[in-house]
Amino acid sequence: MAGWLAVLAASVLGATTDTAVVALPASGQALFERQWQPARPDGGGDGLGPLYNAPSCGSCHSDATHGHGPLSDGVVPAALVITLEAASSEARTEPAGDPVYGHVFNSAAVEGVRAEGTVTVRYHELAGTYYPGGTRWKIRVPEYRFETLNYGPLATRTVIKPRLAPALFGVGLLEAVPDDAITRGAAGARLAWQWRHGARYLGRFGWQSASLSVRDQVTKAFANEMGLTTPDRAHDDCTGRQPCAEPPPGPPEVDEASVAALVEYVKSIEVPPATHAQEEDAEGRRIFAAIGCPNCHRPELPVERTAPDGTRVTGTISPYTDLQVHDLGHGMADRDSTGRVVPSRWRTAPLWGIGFRMSRPERPVFLHDGRARTVEEAVLWHLGEATSEQRLFGELSPYRRAILLHWLETL
């Protein structure tokens, strides 16, 4: 059994594996790990850049986990991508970027080209107390600064959107969730419709569901974060107001076969098995349900796909998401370059794979920009539509809160 069917069998039928990745297809895995090179005068190289963030997919998605986010003040790492969006983007088109810096602020460049600049983050701590029990808590609030802007200022209304490279666990399965399973019973504002070429599609990937499919996400990353063209995106993120070389005439820098192989590989990345014991699972689930978390973090979603032989394959997965977008309050909202708060809606992040992330030697961080150092801090940031659930979490006894957090950390 190969490809999507292997992933479906492993995830739906309960098979487990010691790694997070199915070892196929080899060519796709090699492309994921490949260090792409700038073009050379002799015609060699790959065409990386001229502006980029990292030279490989694996640089930001090590072990298919979230990117390694900031643990303290300083220059933001490559895995925390500073995306930019024009505030006045038309509703029926893909959002525009900053007129000078494009869709992504690129901190690296090929020889002879200046990178776009440097971004730093500084954290301020807020503290409080739970009821009952009086347990103290802390969260950290990020402040981003453009220390260097090599091509002039950002537009005043450009929205600054720091985004940690997301985990890739089970994305092939999430793509196989039928649209009607996401839209059924959902308020219109909770659906992330995206317009492409005059048609409306349901977004489901990325922190705000701005991407339609795994392929859409992959080709965006090639263009905006690595400066590589594909059959889907004939231009990289270099704007006309930067001294960037035009892409050479002829075929795209990453051909169709390579894009297809890489997409198939990314879709084959499995969900690591949860590590909790059966009794922990039952009690953790009860508390999770009692405070209302499944309102957004749905424990189960259906999947269906047509196999190569025409057979309809169906099943159920446990990603703990509704694949909808929600307002989580003022504190989580993005801001524009003047500091003005911009209303923001967030895709419910899948919770599967947290246990695997917690087992890695690098300390994981959580939420869209890695501001949360623990699962507990991530819960505390949930306000807006999740205010009631956050309040009930704070009212749990220390014992029940510890059970819930331990269960979440083993998913």
Protein backbone atom coordinates (compact mmCIF):
# COMPACT_ATOMS: atom_id res chain seq x y z
CA MET A 1 0.00 0.00 0.00
CA ALA A 2 1.44 3.40 -0.92
CA GLY A 3 0.78 7.13 -0.89
CA TRP A 4 -2.43 8.50 0.56
CA LEU A 5 -3.91 5.05 1.21
CA ALA A 6 -0.97 4.15 3.46
CA VAL A 7 -1.49 7.30 5.49
CA LEU A 8 -5.22 6.65 5.72
CA ALA A 9 -4.66 3.10 6.93
CA ALA A 10 -2.07 4.14 9.53
CA SER A 11 -4.09 7.04 10.90
CA VAL A 12 -7.64 5.72 10.64
CA LEU A 13 -7.07 2.05 11.37
CA GLY A 14 -4.77 2.70 14.33
CA ALA A 15 -1.38 1.50 13.06
CA THR A 16 1.57 3.17 14.75
CA THR A 17 5.10 4.03 13.77
CA ASP A 18 8.27 5.12 15.55
CA THR A 19 8.71 8.11 13.25
CA ALA A 20 6.47 10.91 12.12
CA VAL A 21 7.14 10.34 8.43
CA VAL A 22 6.25 7.61 5.96
CA ALA A 23 9.46 6.83 4.04
CA LEU A 24 7.98 7.55 0.61
CA PRO A 25 8.31 8.87 -1.97
CA ALA A 26 12.13 9.08 -1.75
CA SER A 27 12.40 11.80 -4.38
CA GLY A 28 9.95 13.99 -2.47
CA GLN A 29 11.85 13.51 0.78
CA ALA A 30 15.10 14.42 -0.98
CA LEU A 31 13.49 17.60 -2.30
CA PHE A 32 12.21 18.45 1.19
CA GLU A 33 15.74 18.17 2.60
CA ARG A 34 17.54 19.67 -0.42
CA GLN A 35 19.64 22.79 0.06
CA TRP A 36 18.59 24.85 -2.96
CA GLN A 37 21.36 26.90 -4.58
CA PRO A 38 21.42 30.31 -6.30
CA ALA A 39 21.68 30.36 -10.08
CA ARG A 40 25.22 30.57 -11.47
CA PRO A 41 26.46 32.49 -14.53
CA ASP A 42 27.31 29.17 -16.20
CA GLY A 43 23.65 28.13 -16.01
CA GLY A 44 24.04 25.86 -13.00
CA GLY A 45 22.34 26.14 -9.62
CA ASP A 46 18.64 26.10 -8.87
CA GLY A 47 17.58 29.75 -8.87
CA LEU A 48 17.28 30.28 -5.11
CA GLY A 49 16.45 33.90 -4.32
CA PRO A 50 17.57 36.53 -5.04
CA LEU A 51 15.70 37.21 -1.78
CA TYR A 52 14.78 34.35 0.54
CA ASN A 53 14.43 33.22 4.16
CA ALA A 54 15.90 29.71 4.15
CA PRO A 55 17.43 27.45 1.47
CA SER A 56 15.43 24.30 2.29
CA CYS A 57 12.02 23.15 3.49
CA GLY A 58 13.65 21.21 6.31
CA SER A 59 15.31 24.37 7.63
CA CYS A 60 11.96 25.50 9.05
CA HIS A 61 10.05 22.20 9.28
CA SER A 62 12.60 20.00 11.04
CA ASP A 63 11.09 16.55 11.81
CA ALA A 64 7.81 17.88 10.37
CA THR A 65 7.18 19.78 13.62
CA HIS A 66 6.48 23.48 13.99
CA GLY A 67 9.47 25.69 13.32
CA HIS A 68 11.82 26.48 16.17
CA GLY A 69 10.44 29.77 17.45
CA PRO A 70 12.06 32.42 19.64
CA LEU A 71 12.80 31.42 23.22
CA SER A 72 13.99 34.90 24.21
CA ASP A 73 14.51 38.43 22.90
CA GLY A 74 16.55 38.89 19.72
CA VAL A 75 16.52 38.51 15.97
CA VAL A 76 13.62 36.34 14.84
CA PRO A 77 14.69 32.94 13.44
CA ALA A 78 14.04 31.98 9.83
CA ALA A 79 11.22 29.64 10.93
CA LEU A 80 9.24 32.64 12.21
CA VAL A 81 8.22 34.11 8.87
CA ILE A 82 7.19 37.77 8.82
CA THR A 83 4.40 37.84 6.28
CA LEU A 84 3.02 41.13 5.00
CA GLU A 85 -0.42 41.93 3.63
CA ALA A 86 -1.91 45.04 2.08
CA ALA A 87 -4.84 46.21 4.19
CA SER A 88 -6.87 47.19 1.13
CA SER A 89 -6.70 43.87 -0.73
CA GLU A 90 -9.77 43.24 -2.86
CA ALA A 91 -12.12 40.57 -1.54
CA ARG A 92 -12.16 38.60 -4.81
CA THR A 93 -8.41 38.33 -5.30
CA GLU A 94 -5.52 36.73 -3.45
CA PRO A 95 -4.33 39.36 -0.92
CA ALA A 96 -1.56 41.67 -2.09
CA GLY A 97 1.64 42.18 -0.12
CA ASP A 98 3.50 45.35 0.79
CA PRO A 99 4.20 47.40 -2.37
CA VAL A 100 7.97 47.35 -1.69
CA TYR A 101 8.63 44.20 0.34
CA GLY A 102 6.01 41.86 -1.10
CA HIS A 103 4.27 39.06 0.78
CA VAL A 104 7.19 37.96 2.97
CA PHE A 105 9.98 39.95 4.61
CA ASN A 106 13.13 38.17 3.41
CA SER A 107 16.10 38.28 5.78
CA ALA A 108 18.61 36.61 3.42
CA ALA A 109 19.80 37.24 -0.13
CA VAL A 110 22.18 35.85 -2.73
CA GLU A 111 25.59 37.41 -3.27
CA GLY A 112 25.39 40.91 -4.67
CA VAL A 113 21.83 41.60 -3.41
CA ARG A 114 20.90 43.23 -0.12
CA ALA A 115 18.50 41.31 2.11
CA GLU A 116 15.34 43.19 2.98
CA GLY A 117 16.44 43.78 6.56
CA THR A 118 16.27 42.52 10.11
CA VAL A 119 13.35 41.96 12.49
CA THR A 120 13.72 41.52 16.24
CA VAL A 121 11.27 40.50 18.94
CA ARG A 122 11.13 41.66 22.53
CA TYR A 123 8.87 40.06 25.15
CA HIS A 124 7.02 41.63 28.07
CA GLU A 125 5.59 39.37 30.77
CA LEU A 126 2.09 39.57 32.20
CA ALA A 127 1.15 37.65 35.36
CA GLY A 128 -2.03 36.70 37.16
CA THR A 129 -3.67 34.23 39.55
CA TYR A 130 -6.09 31.36 39.02
CA TYR A 131 -9.27 30.67 41.01
CA PRO A 132 -9.56 28.37 42.87
CA GLY A 133 -6.16 27.51 44.33
CA GLY A 134 -4.37 30.82 43.82
CA THR A 135 -1.86 29.38 41.34
CA ARG A 136 0.25 32.05 39.65
CA TRP A 137 0.55 32.16 35.86
CA LYS A 138 2.63 34.14 33.35
CA ILE A 139 2.37 34.83 29.65
CA ARG A 140 4.73 36.74 27.39
CA VAL A 141 3.60 39.48 25.00
CA PRO A 142 5.71 39.95 21.85
CA GLU A 143 6.74 43.28 20.34
CA TYR A 144 8.24 43.15 16.85
CA ARG A 145 10.60 45.77 15.48
CA PHE A 146 12.09 46.26 12.01
CA GLU A 147 15.64 47.15 12.96
CA THR A 148 16.73 47.48 9.33
CA LEU A 149 14.64 48.26 6.26
CA ASN A 150 17.03 48.25 3.32
CA TYR A 151 14.50 49.35 0.72
CA GLY A 152 12.65 52.09 2.55
CA PRO A 153 9.65 52.11 4.93
CA LEU A 154 6.72 49.74 4.90
CA ALA A 155 3.42 51.15 3.69
CA THR A 156 1.53 52.63 6.65
CA ARG A 157 -1.39 50.19 6.34
CA THR A 158 0.65 47.04 5.66
CA VAL A 159 -0.43 44.33 8.12
CA ILE A 160 2.51 42.60 9.84
CA LYS A 161 1.80 38.91 10.38
CA PRO A 162 4.50 36.87 12.18
CA ARG A 163 3.86 33.19 11.39
CA LEU A 164 5.72 30.21 12.81
CA ALA A 165 6.31 27.43 10.27
CA PRO A 166 3.40 25.05 11.03
CA ALA A 167 3.60 21.35 11.78
CA LEU A 168 3.02 19.11 8.76
CA PHE A 169 1.53 16.12 10.61
CA GLY A 170 -1.46 14.67 8.80
CA VAL A 171 -1.93 17.46 6.25
CA GLY A 172 -2.86 14.90 3.60
CA LEU A 173 -5.69 13.73 5.83
CA LEU A 174 -6.87 17.27 6.53
CA GLU A 175 -7.02 17.85 2.78
CA ALA A 176 -9.29 14.80 2.52
CA VAL A 177 -11.92 16.25 4.90
CA PRO A 178 -14.98 17.04 2.73
CA ASP A 179 -15.94 20.72 2.52
CA ASP A 180 -19.43 19.99 3.84
CA ALA A 181 -17.96 18.51 7.04
CA ILE A 182 -16.37 21.93 7.67
CA THR A 183 -19.26 24.11 6.56
CA ARG A 184 -22.10 22.13 8.16
CA GLY A 185 -23.69 24.28 10.88
CA ALA A 186 -20.93 26.91 10.71
CA ALA A 187 -21.63 30.63 10.85
CA GLY A 188 -20.45 32.35 7.67
CA ALA A 189 -17.79 34.36 9.51
CA ARG A 190 -16.13 31.14 10.64
CA LEU A 191 -15.44 29.90 7.11
CA ALA A 192 -12.25 30.98 5.37
CA TRP A 193 -13.41 31.43 1.80
CA GLN A 194 -10.61 32.38 -0.60
CA TRP A 195 -10.99 33.81 -4.09
CA ARG A 196 -8.79 32.58 -6.94
CA HIS A 197 -9.29 33.48 -10.59
CA GLY A 198 -12.79 34.74 -9.86
CA ALA A 199 -13.96 31.55 -8.13
CA ARG A 200 -14.50 30.90 -4.41
CA TYR A 201 -12.78 28.02 -2.60
CA LEU A 202 -12.65 26.96 1.04
CA GLY A 203 -9.28 27.58 2.66
CA ARG A 204 -8.09 25.11 5.30
CA PHE A 205 -4.29 25.41 5.57
CA GLY A 206 -2.08 27.95 7.30
CA TRP A 207 -2.70 29.79 10.55
CA GLN A 208 -5.65 31.66 9.02
CA SER A 209 -6.69 29.13 6.36
CA ALA A 210 -5.31 31.33 3.59
CA SER A 211 -4.15 28.30 1.55
CA LEU A 212 -6.52 26.00 -0.30
CA SER A 213 -4.46 22.83 -0.44
CA VAL A 214 -1.09 21.29 0.42
CA ARG A 215 0.09 22.19 -3.09
CA ASP A 216 -1.05 25.79 -2.66
CA GLN A 217 0.91 26.02 0.59
CA VAL A 218 4.04 24.43 -0.93
CA THR A 219 4.14 26.63 -4.02
CA LYS A 220 3.57 29.77 -1.94
CA ALA A 221 6.56 28.83 0.22
CA PHE A 222 8.71 28.25 -2.86
CA ALA A 223 7.84 31.68 -4.28
CA ASN A 224 7.68 33.84 -1.15
CA GLU A 225 10.22 32.25 1.18
CA MET A 226 12.76 30.74 -1.22
CA GLY A 227 12.43 32.85 -4.37
CA LEU A 228 11.77 29.81 -6.58
CA THR A 229 9.20 29.80 -9.37
CA THR A 230 6.86 26.87 -10.07
CA PRO A 231 4.21 26.06 -12.69
CA ASP A 232 1.63 27.52 -10.26
CA ARG A 233 3.55 30.71 -9.45
CA ALA A 234 5.62 32.15 -12.28
CA HIS A 235 7.04 35.00 -10.18
CA ASP A 236 8.88 35.09 -6.88
CA ASP A 237 8.27 37.69 -4.16
CA CYS A 238 10.73 40.29 -5.46
CA THR A 239 8.87 43.52 -6.32
CA GLY A 240 9.55 46.07 -9.03
CA ARG A 241 10.94 48.46 -6.42
CA GLN A 242 13.84 46.16 -5.56
CA PRO A 243 16.96 45.50 -7.68
CA CYS A 244 16.10 41.88 -8.38
CA ALA A 245 16.93 40.00 -11.52
CA GLU A 246 13.98 38.93 -13.64
CA PRO A 247 13.46 35.16 -13.69
CA PRO A 248 15.10 33.66 -16.76
CA PRO A 249 12.83 32.90 -19.72
CA GLY A 250 11.79 29.33 -20.13
CA PRO A 251 10.49 26.70 -17.72
CA PRO A 252 9.95 27.40 -14.00
CA GLU A 253 12.87 26.87 -11.61
CA VAL A 254 11.03 24.00 -9.89
CA ASP A 255 9.39 21.80 -12.51
CA GLU A 256 6.03 20.04 -12.29
CA ALA A 257 7.51 16.64 -11.47
CA SER A 258 9.42 18.08 -8.51
CA VAL A 259 6.42 19.99 -7.20
CA ALA A 260 4.22 16.89 -7.46
CA ALA A 261 6.81 14.69 -5.71
CA LEU A 262 7.30 17.17 -2.87
CA VAL A 263 3.55 17.61 -2.38
CA GLU A 264 3.05 13.83 -2.30
CA TYR A 265 5.82 13.52 0.30
CA VAL A 266 4.37 16.25 2.52
CA LYS A 267 0.94 14.62 2.28
CA SER A 268 2.49 11.32 3.38
CA ILE A 269 3.70 12.68 6.73
CA GLU A 270 1.92 10.72 9.44
CA VAL A 271 0.52 11.81 12.74
CA PRO A 272 2.72 10.47 15.58
CA PRO A 273 0.78 8.24 18.00
CA ALA A 274 -0.45 9.73 21.28
CA THR A 275 1.46 8.59 24.35
CA HIS A 276 -1.14 8.76 27.14
CA ALA A 277 -2.40 5.72 29.05
CA GLN A 278 -6.03 4.63 28.68
CA GLU A 279 -7.11 5.99 32.09
CA GLU A 280 -5.40 9.32 31.39
CA ASP A 281 -7.18 9.48 28.05
CA ALA A 282 -10.62 9.02 29.59
CA GLU A 283 -10.20 11.60 32.36
CA GLY A 284 -8.42 14.13 30.15
CA ARG A 285 -11.15 13.86 27.52
CA ARG A 286 -13.86 14.38 30.16
CA ILE A 287 -12.29 17.61 31.43
CA PHE A 288 -11.57 18.78 27.86
CA ALA A 289 -15.25 18.32 27.02
CA ALA A 290 -16.55 19.77 30.29
CA ILE A 291 -14.98 23.18 29.71
CA GLY A 292 -16.13 23.35 26.07
CA CYS A 293 -12.88 22.89 24.12
CA PRO A 294 -14.54 20.57 21.53
CA ASN A 295 -16.68 23.52 20.40
CA CYS A 296 -13.72 24.35 18.15
CA HIS A 297 -11.19 21.55 18.70
CA ARG A 298 -13.46 18.84 17.32
CA PRO A 299 -12.11 15.41 18.30
CA GLU A 300 -13.18 13.76 15.05
CA LEU A 301 -13.64 14.63 11.38
CA PRO A 302 -14.59 12.41 8.43
CA VAL A 303 -12.21 11.85 5.52
CA GLU A 304 -12.91 10.49 2.07
CA ARG A 305 -10.89 10.00 -1.07
CA THR A 306 -11.12 8.16 -4.36
CA ALA A 307 -8.40 5.53 -4.71
CA PRO A 308 -6.59 5.03 -8.05
CA ASP A 309 -8.86 2.06 -8.81
CA GLY A 310 -11.95 4.24 -8.35
CA THR A 311 -12.87 2.85 -4.95
CA ARG A 312 -14.22 5.39 -2.44
CA VAL A 313 -12.16 5.22 0.76
CA THR A 314 -13.66 6.74 3.90
CA GLY A 315 -12.72 6.94 7.55
CA THR A 316 -12.53 9.13 10.64
CA ILE A 317 -9.54 11.04 11.97
CA SER A 318 -8.90 12.72 15.34
CA PRO A 319 -7.16 16.04 14.61
CA TYR A 320 -8.94 18.13 17.28
CA THR A 321 -9.91 20.94 14.92
CA ASP A 322 -13.01 22.12 13.09
CA LEU A 323 -10.91 23.68 10.28
CA GLN A 324 -12.87 26.88 10.78
CA VAL A 325 -11.55 30.32 11.75
CA HIS A 326 -12.34 32.12 15.01
CA ASP A 327 -11.80 35.50 16.64
CA LEU A 328 -9.59 34.90 19.69
CA GLY A 329 -9.60 38.44 20.96
CA HIS A 330 -7.68 41.69 20.80
CA GLY A 331 -4.48 40.26 22.27
CA MET A 332 -4.03 37.73 19.47
CA ALA A 333 -4.85 40.17 16.67
CA ASP A 334 -2.32 41.31 14.08
CA ARG A 335 -1.23 44.94 13.77
CA ASP A 336 -0.27 47.17 10.87
CA SER A 337 3.02 49.03 10.56
CA THR A 338 1.65 51.94 12.61
CA GLY A 339 0.65 49.64 15.49
CA ARG A 340 -3.09 49.74 14.75
CA VAL A 341 -4.87 46.51 15.73
CA VAL A 342 -6.35 44.61 12.77
CA PRO A 343 -9.25 42.19 13.46
CA SER A 344 -7.92 38.66 12.98
CA ARG A 345 -9.46 35.21 12.75
CA TRP A 346 -7.48 32.05 13.40
CA ARG A 347 -7.92 28.54 12.09
CA THR A 348 -8.44 26.12 14.96
CA ALA A 349 -5.00 24.57 15.27
CA PRO A 350 -4.98 20.75 15.15
CA LEU A 351 -3.79 19.34 18.48
CA TRP A 352 -2.56 15.99 17.23
CA GLY A 353 1.21 15.57 17.39
CA ILE A 354 1.76 17.72 20.50
CA GLY A 355 3.18 14.71 22.35
CA PHE A 356 5.76 14.20 19.60
CA ARG A 357 6.74 17.87 19.74
CA MET A 358 7.10 17.69 23.52
CA SER A 359 9.45 14.71 23.13
CA ARG A 360 11.94 16.54 20.91
CA PRO A 361 15.18 17.92 22.40
CA GLU A 362 14.30 21.47 21.30
CA ARG A 363 11.79 23.11 23.62
CA PRO A 364 8.58 23.68 21.63
CA VAL A 365 6.66 26.92 21.50
CA PHE A 366 3.00 27.37 20.59
CA LEU A 367 0.48 29.63 18.81
CA HIS A 368 0.95 31.40 15.49
CA ASP A 369 4.10 33.28 16.47
CA GLY A 370 5.49 31.04 19.19
CA ARG A 371 4.64 33.46 22.00
CA ALA A 372 3.38 30.65 24.25
CA ARG A 373 6.17 28.68 25.93
CA THR A 374 3.80 25.99 27.21
CA VAL A 375 0.42 24.50 26.37
CA GLU A 376 -0.93 26.27 29.45
CA GLU A 377 0.18 29.67 28.14
CA ALA A 378 -1.45 28.88 24.80
CA VAL A 379 -4.78 28.22 26.56
CA LEU A 380 -4.51 31.50 28.48
CA TRP A 381 -4.27 33.47 25.21
CA HIS A 382 -7.69 32.14 24.12
CA LEU A 383 -10.17 35.00 24.50
CA GLY A 384 -12.78 36.38 22.08
CA GLU A 385 -14.95 33.45 21.04
CA ALA A 386 -13.06 31.25 23.51
CA THR A 387 -13.49 33.49 26.57
CA SER A 388 -15.90 31.12 28.31
CA GLU A 389 -13.63 28.11 27.79
CA GLN A 390 -10.60 30.04 29.03
CA ARG A 391 -12.51 31.15 32.15
CA LEU A 392 -13.62 27.58 32.90
CA PHE A 393 -10.03 26.41 32.48
CA GLY A 394 -8.93 28.93 35.09
CA GLU A 395 -11.66 27.76 37.48
CA LEU A 396 -10.51 24.12 37.41
CA SER A 397 -8.97 22.81 40.59
CA PRO A 398 -5.15 22.56 40.41
CA TYR A 399 -5.49 18.77 40.26
CA ARG A 400 -7.97 18.73 37.34
CA ARG A 401 -6.06 21.43 35.50
CA ALA A 402 -2.86 19.36 35.79
CA ILE A 403 -4.67 16.28 34.42
CA LEU A 404 -5.97 18.24 31.43
CA LEU A 405 -2.60 19.81 30.63
CA HIS A 406 -0.79 16.49 30.91
CA TRP A 407 -3.33 14.86 28.58
CA LEU A 408 -2.99 17.66 26.02
CA GLU A 409 0.79 17.32 26.13
CA THR A 410 0.53 13.64 25.17
CA LEU A 411 -1.79 13.94 22.16
